[in-house]
């Protein structure tokens, strides 16, 4: 869900370059995105969002990073995920990410 929300957010940011590199510590997510035979709800939503963005001249790439080694964005994502898991209104949790935490290339 975090990847989908990030793509939705960044798609509508005013930015000169239309390029995004999504880092994730979830290898399974990357494997599912690459395997066209696997169809889960969120993976299909991410694929659809990527296609939509590419049709609007966005370049979307994904990269795996090692978890729990102090990567600033990954640590923030983990903290926000924990807060969201404990929050009955999950949508509210997504509004807590400061714009300065998102790096637009």
C-alpha atoms as a PDB file:
ATOM      1  CA  UNK A   1       0.000   0.000   0.000  1.00  0.00           C
ATOM      2  CA  UNK A   2       2.878   2.363   0.777  1.00  0.00           C
ATOM      3  CA  UNK A   3       4.275   2.088  -2.756  1.00  0.00           C
ATOM      4  CA  UNK A   4       0.877   2.774  -4.277  1.00  0.00           C
ATOM      5  CA  UNK A   5       0.264   5.792  -2.033  1.00  0.00           C
ATOM      6  CA  UNK A   6       3.736   7.162  -2.798  1.00  0.00           C
ATOM      7  CA  UNK A   7       3.186   6.835  -6.554  1.00  0.00           C
ATOM      8  CA  UNK A   8      -0.240   8.471  -6.314  1.00  0.00           C
ATOM      9  CA  UNK A   9       1.236  11.348  -4.330  1.00  0.00           C
ATOM     10  CA  UNK A  10       4.269  11.925  -6.496  1.00  0.00           C
ATOM     11  CA  UNK A  11       2.321  11.717  -9.755  1.00  0.00           C
ATOM     12  CA  UNK A  12       0.564  14.967  -8.950  1.00  0.00           C
ATOM     13  CA  UNK A  13       3.527  16.864  -7.494  1.00  0.00           C
ATOM     14  CA  UNK A  14       4.655  19.797  -9.592  1.00  0.00           C
ATOM     15  CA  UNK A  15       8.135  18.778 -10.668  1.00  0.00           C
ATOM     16  CA  UNK A  16      10.308  19.438 -13.694  1.00  0.00           C
ATOM     17  CA  UNK A  17      11.499  15.868 -14.135  1.00  0.00           C
ATOM     18  CA  UNK A  18       9.081  12.997 -14.337  1.00  0.00           C
ATOM     19  CA  UNK A  19      11.295  10.329 -12.887  1.00  0.00           C
ATOM     20  CA  UNK A  20      10.852   8.344  -9.696  1.00  0.00           C
ATOM     21  CA  UNK A  21      12.963   5.655  -8.070  1.00  0.00           C
ATOM     22  CA  UNK A  22      11.052   3.683  -5.450  1.00  0.00           C
ATOM     23  CA  UNK A  23      13.198   1.981  -2.829  1.00  0.00           C
ATOM     24  CA  UNK A  24      11.717  -0.966  -0.973  1.00  0.00           C
ATOM     25  CA  UNK A  25      13.065  -3.468   1.511  1.00  0.00           C
ATOM     26  CA  UNK A  26      10.492  -6.020   0.379  1.00  0.00           C
ATOM     27  CA  UNK A  27      12.058  -8.375  -2.173  1.00  0.00           C
ATOM     28  CA  UNK A  28       8.755 -10.206  -2.533  1.00  0.00           C
ATOM     29  CA  UNK A  29       7.097  -7.009  -3.741  1.00  0.00           C
ATOM     30  CA  UNK A  30       9.714  -6.549  -6.453  1.00  0.00           C
ATOM     31  CA  UNK A  31       9.441 -10.200  -7.455  1.00  0.00           C
ATOM     32  CA  UNK A  32       5.665  -9.970  -7.691  1.00  0.00           C
ATOM     33  CA  UNK A  33       5.858  -6.798  -9.779  1.00  0.00           C
ATOM     34  CA  UNK A  34       8.217  -8.530 -12.215  1.00  0.00           C
ATOM     35  CA  UNK A  35       6.221 -11.777 -12.437  1.00  0.00           C
ATOM     36  CA  UNK A  36       3.287 -11.127 -14.771  1.00  0.00           C
ATOM     37  CA  UNK A  37       1.723 -14.463 -13.766  1.00  0.00           C
ATOM     38  CA  UNK A  38       1.132 -13.274 -10.198  1.00  0.00           C
ATOM     39  CA  UNK A  39      -1.927 -11.136  -9.568  1.00  0.00           C
ATOM     40  CA  UNK A  40      -2.669  -9.731  -6.130  1.00  0.00           C
ATOM     41  CA  UNK A  41      -4.861  -6.736  -5.424  1.00  0.00           C
ATOM     42  CA  UNK A  42      -2.113  -4.279  -4.446  1.00  0.00           C
ATOM     43  CA  UNK A  43       0.368  -5.528  -7.033  1.00  0.00           C
ATOM     44  CA  UNK A  44      -2.222  -5.003  -9.767  1.00  0.00           C
ATOM     45  CA  UNK A  45      -2.963  -1.530  -8.430  1.00  0.00           C
ATOM     46  CA  UNK A  46       0.749  -0.673  -8.472  1.00  0.00           C
ATOM     47  CA  UNK A  47       1.146  -2.047 -12.017  1.00  0.00           C
ATOM     48  CA  UNK A  48      -1.856  -0.033 -13.171  1.00  0.00           C
ATOM     49  CA  UNK A  49      -0.499   3.145 -11.546  1.00  0.00           C
ATOM     50  CA  UNK A  50       2.939   2.629 -13.146  1.00  0.00           C
ATOM     51  CA  UNK A  51       1.345   2.137 -16.585  1.00  0.00           C
ATOM     52  CA  UNK A  52      -0.781   5.251 -16.086  1.00  0.00           C
ATOM     53  CA  UNK A  53       2.267   7.281 -15.075  1.00  0.00           C
ATOM     54  CA  UNK A  54       4.324   5.965 -17.999  1.00  0.00           C
ATOM     55  CA  UNK A  55       1.541   7.026 -20.363  1.00  0.00           C
ATOM     56  CA  UNK A  56       2.087  10.535 -18.982  1.00  0.00           C
ATOM     57  CA  UNK A  57       5.826  10.368 -19.674  1.00  0.00           C
ATOM     58  CA  UNK A  58       6.915   9.302 -16.187  1.00  0.00           C
ATOM     59  CA  UNK A  59       9.840   6.941 -15.750  1.00  0.00           C
ATOM     60  CA  UNK A  60       9.247   4.674 -12.748  1.00  0.00           C
ATOM     61  CA  UNK A  61      11.952   2.383 -11.402  1.00  0.00           C
ATOM     62  CA  UNK A  62      12.157   0.136  -8.370  1.00  0.00           C
ATOM     63  CA  UNK A  63      15.175  -0.738  -6.254  1.00  0.00           C
ATOM     64  CA  UNK A  64      15.705  -3.081  -3.302  1.00  0.00           C
ATOM     65  CA  UNK A  65      17.485  -1.804  -0.211  1.00  0.00           C
ATOM     66  CA  UNK A  66      18.623  -3.760   2.807  1.00  0.00           C
ATOM     67  CA  UNK A  67      16.198  -3.297   5.722  1.00  0.00           C
ATOM     68  CA  UNK A  68      17.076  -2.002   9.185  1.00  0.00           C
ATOM     69  CA  UNK A  69      20.508  -0.575   8.358  1.00  0.00           C
ATOM     70  CA  UNK A  70      19.704   3.069   9.001  1.00  0.00           C
ATOM     71  CA  UNK A  71      18.489   4.133   5.548  1.00  0.00           C
ATOM     72  CA  UNK A  72      16.627   7.359   6.426  1.00  0.00           C
ATOM     73  CA  UNK A  73      13.649   6.866   4.118  1.00  0.00           C
ATOM     74  CA  UNK A  74      13.292   3.197   5.005  1.00  0.00           C
ATOM     75  CA  UNK A  75      13.342   3.914   8.721  1.00  0.00           C
ATOM     76  CA  UNK A  76      10.675   6.598   8.239  1.00  0.00           C
ATOM     77  CA  UNK A  77       8.555   4.212   6.163  1.00  0.00           C
ATOM     78  CA  UNK A  78       8.828   1.547   8.869  1.00  0.00           C
ATOM     79  CA  UNK A  79       7.772   4.033  11.546  1.00  0.00           C
ATOM     80  CA  UNK A  80       4.797   5.254   9.500  1.00  0.00           C
ATOM     81  CA  UNK A  81       3.758   1.661   8.768  1.00  0.00           C
ATOM     82  CA  UNK A  82       3.791   0.855  12.489  1.00  0.00           C
ATOM     83  CA  UNK A  83       1.682   3.927  13.227  1.00  0.00           C
ATOM     84  CA  UNK A  84      -0.754   3.026  10.451  1.00  0.00           C
ATOM     85  CA  UNK A  85      -1.061  -0.542  11.741  1.00  0.00           C
ATOM     86  CA  UNK A  86      -2.147   0.830  15.116  1.00  0.00           C
ATOM     87  CA  UNK A  87      -4.474   3.453  13.653  1.00  0.00           C
ATOM     88  CA  UNK A  88      -8.110   2.662  12.933  1.00  0.00           C
ATOM     89  CA  UNK A  89      -8.161   5.392  10.279  1.00  0.00           C
ATOM     90  CA  UNK A  90      -5.242   4.343   8.062  1.00  0.00           C
ATOM     91  CA  UNK A  91      -5.731   7.159   5.522  1.00  0.00           C
ATOM     92  CA  UNK A  92      -5.045   9.681   8.293  1.00  0.00           C
ATOM     93  CA  UNK A  93      -1.594   8.176   8.857  1.00  0.00           C
ATOM     94  CA  UNK A  94      -0.487   8.961   5.319  1.00  0.00           C
ATOM     95  CA  UNK A  95      -0.896  12.683   5.817  1.00  0.00           C
ATOM     96  CA  UNK A  96       1.922  12.710   8.380  1.00  0.00           C
ATOM     97  CA  UNK A  97       4.761  12.383   5.860  1.00  0.00           C
ATOM     98  CA  UNK A  98       6.445  15.748   5.385  1.00  0.00           C
ATOM     99  CA  UNK A  99       7.021  16.884   1.795  1.00  0.00           C
ATOM    100  CA  UNK A 100      10.716  17.304   2.610  1.00  0.00           C
ATOM    101  CA  UNK A 101      10.982  13.533   3.141  1.00  0.00           C
ATOM    102  CA  UNK A 102      10.140  12.831  -0.493  1.00  0.00           C
ATOM    103  CA  UNK A 103      12.978  13.332  -2.927  1.00  0.00           C
ATOM    104  CA  UNK A 104      11.873  14.156  -6.464  1.00  0.00           C
ATOM    105  CA  UNK A 105      14.531  13.582  -9.101  1.00  0.00           C
END
